[in-house]
Amino acid sequence: MDEKQAKPKKNGLTKRDLSLVLANKHGLTQEKAIEVMQTVLNEIIAALKRGENVEFREFGVFSLVVRKARIGRNPRKPSETIMVPERHDVKFKPGRMMKLVLGKMGQQQK
């Protein structure tokens, strides 16, 4: 495997790995592939910021979830209560194809 191909890593797939695959498959430079990927990621973030869902058919849906403010406990002093502020999280719901492929992987590993 030459150095221009993505190498599997124990810690996961990186943007650089994906950019190498994109560059190799579509005859792009790695810099152009990273630029394209960053544009896509920026648009996903912008859509979520506007409160829109981001849907990739068969792959899945990203959506913004608002976690309400609540009263919590200080882990260092369990008797002390603290106010946990409202926050925004991103939720991902896998699509049909991802469920199908990952479900088959789980069956093979048993």
N, C-alpha and C. Protein backbone atom coordinates (compact mmCIF):
# COMPACT_ATOMS: atom_id res chain seq x y z
N MET A 1 0.85 -1.18 0.00
CA MET A 1 0.00 0.00 0.00
C MET A 1 0.89 1.24 0.00
N ASP A 2 0.74 2.10 -0.99
CA ASP A 2 1.59 3.29 -1.03
C ASP A 2 1.06 4.35 -0.06
N GLU A 3 1.88 5.39 0.18
CA GLU A 3 1.55 6.37 1.21
C GLU A 3 0.36 7.25 0.85
N LYS A 4 -0.09 7.25 -0.42
CA LYS A 4 -1.23 8.07 -0.84
C LYS A 4 -2.56 7.38 -0.56
N GLN A 5 -2.56 6.14 -0.09
CA GLN A 5 -3.81 5.44 0.20
C GLN A 5 -4.09 5.51 1.70
N ALA A 6 -5.38 5.54 2.03
CA ALA A 6 -5.79 5.59 3.43
C ALA A 6 -5.43 4.27 4.10
N LYS A 7 -4.83 4.37 5.27
CA LYS A 7 -4.47 3.19 6.03
C LYS A 7 -5.40 3.07 7.23
N PRO A 8 -5.94 1.88 7.47
CA PRO A 8 -6.83 1.74 8.63
C PRO A 8 -6.06 1.98 9.92
N LYS A 9 -6.71 2.65 10.84
CA LYS A 9 -6.07 2.96 12.12
C LYS A 9 -6.90 2.37 13.24
N LYS A 10 -6.26 2.11 14.34
CA LYS A 10 -6.98 1.58 15.49
C LYS A 10 -7.93 2.62 16.08
N ASN A 11 -7.56 3.91 15.96
CA ASN A 11 -8.37 4.95 16.59
C ASN A 11 -9.46 5.49 15.67
N GLY A 12 -9.62 4.98 14.48
CA GLY A 12 -10.73 5.37 13.62
C GLY A 12 -10.32 6.05 12.33
N LEU A 13 -11.33 6.42 11.58
CA LEU A 13 -11.16 7.06 10.29
C LEU A 13 -11.07 8.58 10.50
N THR A 14 -10.11 9.21 9.85
CA THR A 14 -9.92 10.65 10.01
C THR A 14 -10.30 11.39 8.74
N LYS A 15 -10.39 12.72 8.85
CA LYS A 15 -10.67 13.54 7.69
C LYS A 15 -9.57 13.35 6.64
N ARG A 16 -8.36 13.21 7.08
CA ARG A 16 -7.25 13.00 6.15
C ARG A 16 -7.43 11.68 5.39
N ASP A 17 -7.83 10.62 6.09
CA ASP A 17 -8.08 9.34 5.44
C ASP A 17 -9.16 9.48 4.36
N LEU A 18 -10.24 10.15 4.71
CA LEU A 18 -11.32 10.35 3.74
C LEU A 18 -10.88 11.21 2.56
N SER A 19 -10.06 12.22 2.84
CA SER A 19 -9.60 13.08 1.75
C SER A 19 -8.71 12.30 0.78
N LEU A 20 -7.92 11.37 1.28
CA LEU A 20 -7.09 10.54 0.41
C LEU A 20 -7.96 9.66 -0.48
N VAL A 21 -9.01 9.08 0.08
CA VAL A 21 -9.91 8.25 -0.71
C VAL A 21 -10.60 9.10 -1.78
N LEU A 22 -11.10 10.26 -1.38
CA LEU A 22 -11.77 11.17 -2.31
C LEU A 22 -10.82 11.62 -3.42
N ALA A 23 -9.61 11.98 -3.06
CA ALA A 23 -8.62 12.43 -4.04
C ALA A 23 -8.28 11.32 -5.02
N ASN A 24 -8.07 10.11 -4.53
CA ASN A 24 -7.71 8.98 -5.39
C ASN A 24 -8.85 8.58 -6.33
N LYS A 25 -10.08 8.57 -5.82
CA LYS A 25 -11.22 8.12 -6.63
C LYS A 25 -11.61 9.14 -7.69
N HIS A 26 -11.39 10.42 -7.41
CA HIS A 26 -11.89 11.45 -8.32
C HIS A 26 -10.79 12.30 -8.95
N GLY A 27 -9.55 11.88 -8.83
CA GLY A 27 -8.45 12.57 -9.49
C GLY A 27 -8.22 13.99 -8.99
N LEU A 28 -8.43 14.20 -7.70
CA LEU A 28 -8.23 15.52 -7.09
C LEU A 28 -6.91 15.54 -6.35
N THR A 29 -6.42 16.74 -6.08
CA THR A 29 -5.29 16.83 -5.16
C THR A 29 -5.85 16.64 -3.75
N GLN A 30 -5.00 16.27 -2.84
CA GLN A 30 -5.47 16.08 -1.47
C GLN A 30 -5.96 17.41 -0.89
N GLU A 31 -5.31 18.50 -1.25
CA GLU A 31 -5.73 19.82 -0.74
C GLU A 31 -7.13 20.16 -1.22
N LYS A 32 -7.43 19.88 -2.50
CA LYS A 32 -8.76 20.15 -3.06
C LYS A 32 -9.80 19.24 -2.40
N ALA A 33 -9.44 17.99 -2.17
CA ALA A 33 -10.36 17.05 -1.52
C ALA A 33 -10.70 17.51 -0.11
N ILE A 34 -9.71 17.99 0.63
CA ILE A 34 -9.95 18.50 1.98
C ILE A 34 -10.83 19.74 1.92
N GLU A 35 -10.59 20.59 0.93
CA GLU A 35 -11.40 21.81 0.77
C GLU A 35 -12.88 21.45 0.51
N VAL A 36 -13.10 20.46 -0.35
CA VAL A 36 -14.47 20.01 -0.65
C VAL A 36 -15.12 19.44 0.61
N MET A 37 -14.38 18.59 1.31
CA MET A 37 -14.93 17.99 2.53
C MET A 37 -15.25 19.05 3.57
N GLN A 38 -14.39 20.04 3.73
CA GLN A 38 -14.61 21.08 4.72
C GLN A 38 -15.84 21.92 4.36
N THR A 39 -16.04 22.15 3.06
CA THR A 39 -17.24 22.87 2.61
C THR A 39 -18.50 22.11 2.99
N VAL A 40 -18.50 20.80 2.76
CA VAL A 40 -19.66 19.97 3.12
C VAL A 40 -19.89 20.01 4.62
N LEU A 41 -18.83 19.85 5.40
CA LEU A 41 -18.98 19.88 6.86
C LEU A 41 -19.48 21.24 7.35
N ASN A 42 -18.98 22.32 6.76
CA ASN A 42 -19.44 23.66 7.15
C ASN A 42 -20.92 23.85 6.84
N GLU A 43 -21.39 23.31 5.72
CA GLU A 43 -22.81 23.42 5.37
C GLU A 43 -23.68 22.61 6.33
N ILE A 44 -23.20 21.46 6.75
CA ILE A 44 -23.94 20.65 7.73
C ILE A 44 -24.07 21.43 9.03
N ILE A 45 -22.97 22.02 9.49
CA ILE A 45 -22.98 22.80 10.73
C ILE A 45 -23.92 23.99 10.60
N ALA A 46 -23.87 24.70 9.47
CA ALA A 46 -24.72 25.86 9.27
C ALA A 46 -26.20 25.48 9.28
N ALA A 47 -26.55 24.36 8.66
CA ALA A 47 -27.94 23.90 8.64
C ALA A 47 -28.41 23.56 10.05
N LEU A 48 -27.57 22.86 10.82
CA LEU A 48 -27.93 22.53 12.20
C LEU A 48 -28.09 23.79 13.04
N LYS A 49 -27.23 24.77 12.81
CA LYS A 49 -27.31 26.04 13.54
C LYS A 49 -28.62 26.76 13.24
N ARG A 50 -29.13 26.62 12.00
CA ARG A 50 -30.41 27.22 11.62
C ARG A 50 -31.60 26.41 12.15
N GLY A 51 -31.32 25.29 12.80
CA GLY A 51 -32.39 24.45 13.34
C GLY A 51 -32.94 23.44 12.35
N GLU A 52 -32.26 23.26 11.24
CA GLU A 52 -32.70 22.31 10.21
C GLU A 52 -32.09 20.93 10.47
N ASN A 53 -32.80 19.89 10.05
CA ASN A 53 -32.25 18.54 10.06
C ASN A 53 -31.40 18.37 8.81
N VAL A 54 -30.40 17.52 8.89
CA VAL A 54 -29.55 17.20 7.74
C VAL A 54 -29.75 15.72 7.45
N GLU A 55 -30.32 15.43 6.28
CA GLU A 55 -30.67 14.05 5.96
C GLU A 55 -29.88 13.55 4.76
N PHE A 56 -29.25 12.40 4.95
CA PHE A 56 -28.58 11.69 3.88
C PHE A 56 -29.33 10.37 3.73
N ARG A 57 -30.12 10.26 2.67
CA ARG A 57 -30.93 9.06 2.48
C ARG A 57 -30.06 7.80 2.59
N GLU A 58 -30.63 6.81 3.22
CA GLU A 58 -29.99 5.51 3.45
C GLU A 58 -28.87 5.58 4.50
N PHE A 59 -28.27 6.76 4.70
CA PHE A 59 -27.16 6.88 5.66
C PHE A 59 -27.68 7.26 7.04
N GLY A 60 -28.40 8.39 7.14
CA GLY A 60 -28.93 8.80 8.42
C GLY A 60 -29.28 10.28 8.47
N VAL A 61 -29.76 10.71 9.63
CA VAL A 61 -30.22 12.08 9.83
C VAL A 61 -29.53 12.68 11.05
N PHE A 62 -28.98 13.89 10.87
CA PHE A 62 -28.44 14.67 11.97
C PHE A 62 -29.50 15.69 12.36
N SER A 63 -29.73 15.87 13.66
CA SER A 63 -30.68 16.88 14.11
C SER A 63 -30.16 17.53 15.39
N LEU A 64 -30.64 18.73 15.63
CA LEU A 64 -30.23 19.49 16.81
C LEU A 64 -31.22 19.21 17.93
N VAL A 65 -30.71 18.91 19.12
CA VAL A 65 -31.54 18.65 20.28
C VAL A 65 -31.16 19.65 21.36
N VAL A 66 -32.17 20.27 21.97
CA VAL A 66 -31.92 21.22 23.05
C VAL A 66 -32.13 20.49 24.37
N ARG A 67 -31.10 20.45 25.17
CA ARG A 67 -31.18 19.86 26.52
C ARG A 67 -31.56 20.99 27.49
N LYS A 68 -32.67 20.84 28.16
CA LYS A 68 -33.15 21.88 29.06
C LYS A 68 -32.22 22.06 30.25
N ALA A 69 -32.24 23.27 30.80
CA ALA A 69 -31.49 23.54 32.03
C ALA A 69 -32.09 22.67 33.14
N ARG A 70 -31.25 22.27 34.07
CA ARG A 70 -31.74 21.40 35.16
C ARG A 70 -30.86 21.58 36.39
N ILE A 71 -31.35 21.05 37.47
CA ILE A 71 -30.58 21.06 38.71
C ILE A 71 -29.83 19.74 38.79
N GLY A 72 -28.52 19.82 39.04
CA GLY A 72 -27.69 18.63 39.14
C GLY A 72 -26.96 18.58 40.47
N ARG A 73 -26.16 17.58 40.63
CA ARG A 73 -25.37 17.40 41.86
C ARG A 73 -23.89 17.60 41.52
N ASN A 74 -23.18 18.25 42.44
CA ASN A 74 -21.75 18.41 42.30
C ASN A 74 -21.11 17.05 42.61
N PRO A 75 -20.38 16.44 41.66
CA PRO A 75 -19.80 15.12 41.91
C PRO A 75 -18.77 15.11 43.03
N ARG A 76 -18.13 16.24 43.28
CA ARG A 76 -17.13 16.29 44.36
C ARG A 76 -17.79 16.47 45.73
N LYS A 77 -18.95 17.11 45.74
CA LYS A 77 -19.70 17.32 46.99
C LYS A 77 -21.14 16.93 46.72
N PRO A 78 -21.48 15.65 46.84
CA PRO A 78 -22.82 15.17 46.47
C PRO A 78 -23.98 15.89 47.17
N SER A 79 -23.73 16.50 48.30
CA SER A 79 -24.81 17.20 48.99
C SER A 79 -25.09 18.57 48.38
N GLU A 80 -24.18 19.05 47.52
CA GLU A 80 -24.31 20.37 46.92
C GLU A 80 -25.00 20.28 45.55
N THR A 81 -26.04 21.10 45.36
CA THR A 81 -26.72 21.13 44.06
C THR A 81 -26.14 22.27 43.23
N ILE A 82 -26.14 22.06 41.92
CA ILE A 82 -25.66 23.09 41.00
C ILE A 82 -26.65 23.22 39.85
N MET A 83 -26.66 24.36 39.20
CA MET A 83 -27.53 24.56 38.05
C MET A 83 -26.76 24.18 36.78
N VAL A 84 -27.29 23.23 36.03
CA VAL A 84 -26.68 22.81 34.77
C VAL A 84 -27.40 23.61 33.68
N PRO A 85 -26.67 24.43 32.91
CA PRO A 85 -27.33 25.29 31.92
C PRO A 85 -27.86 24.51 30.72
N GLU A 86 -28.78 25.15 30.00
CA GLU A 86 -29.30 24.58 28.75
C GLU A 86 -28.14 24.41 27.77
N ARG A 87 -28.21 23.36 26.97
CA ARG A 87 -27.16 23.17 25.96
C ARG A 87 -27.75 22.52 24.72
N HIS A 88 -27.03 22.64 23.64
CA HIS A 88 -27.45 22.07 22.36
C HIS A 88 -26.54 20.89 22.01
N ASP A 89 -27.17 19.80 21.63
CA ASP A 89 -26.44 18.60 21.22
C ASP A 89 -26.88 18.20 19.82
N VAL A 90 -26.06 17.44 19.15
CA VAL A 90 -26.41 16.89 17.85
C VAL A 90 -26.76 15.42 18.04
N LYS A 91 -27.89 15.05 17.48
CA LYS A 91 -28.35 13.66 17.54
C LYS A 91 -28.20 13.06 16.15
N PHE A 92 -27.80 11.81 16.07
CA PHE A 92 -27.70 11.11 14.78
C PHE A 92 -28.59 9.88 14.84
N LYS A 93 -29.44 9.76 13.85
CA LYS A 93 -30.29 8.57 13.73
C LYS A 93 -29.85 7.84 12.46
N PRO A 94 -29.33 6.63 12.59
CA PRO A 94 -28.86 5.91 11.41
C PRO A 94 -30.00 5.57 10.45
N GLY A 95 -29.69 5.57 9.16
CA GLY A 95 -30.66 5.24 8.13
C GLY A 95 -30.75 3.74 7.90
N ARG A 96 -31.65 3.38 7.02
CA ARG A 96 -31.95 1.98 6.75
C ARG A 96 -30.72 1.19 6.30
N MET A 97 -29.95 1.75 5.35
CA MET A 97 -28.79 1.02 4.82
C MET A 97 -27.73 0.83 5.90
N MET A 98 -27.50 1.86 6.71
CA MET A 98 -26.51 1.73 7.77
C MET A 98 -26.94 0.67 8.78
N LYS A 99 -28.21 0.67 9.15
CA LYS A 99 -28.71 -0.33 10.08
C LYS A 99 -28.55 -1.73 9.50
N LEU A 100 -28.86 -1.85 8.21
CA LEU A 100 -28.76 -3.15 7.56
C LEU A 100 -27.32 -3.65 7.54
N VAL A 101 -26.40 -2.81 7.13
CA VAL A 101 -24.99 -3.21 7.04
C VAL A 101 -24.39 -3.47 8.43
N LEU A 102 -24.64 -2.58 9.38
CA LEU A 102 -24.09 -2.76 10.72
C LEU A 102 -24.76 -3.91 11.45
N GLY A 103 -26.03 -4.14 11.17
CA GLY A 103 -26.73 -5.28 11.77
C GLY A 103 -26.13 -6.59 11.32
N LYS A 104 -25.79 -6.67 10.04
CA LYS A 104 -25.15 -7.88 9.50
C LYS A 104 -23.78 -8.09 10.11
N MET A 105 -23.05 -6.98 10.36
CA MET A 105 -21.73 -7.11 10.97
C MET A 105 -21.84 -7.71 12.36
N GLY A 106 -22.86 -7.29 13.12
CA GLY A 106 -23.05 -7.80 14.47
C GLY A 106 -23.35 -9.29 14.45
N GLN A 107 -24.10 -9.75 13.45
CA GLN A 107 -24.44 -11.16 13.35
C GLN A 107 -23.21 -11.99 13.00
N GLN A 108 -22.29 -11.44 12.19
CA GLN A 108 -21.10 -12.16 11.79
C GLN A 108 -20.13 -12.33 12.94
N GLN A 109 -20.12 -11.40 13.88
CA GLN A 109 -19.16 -11.43 14.98
C GLN A 109 -19.57 -12.41 16.07
N LYS A 110 -20.81 -12.86 16.09
CA LYS A 110 -21.26 -13.77 17.15
C LYS A 110 -20.72 -15.15 17.00
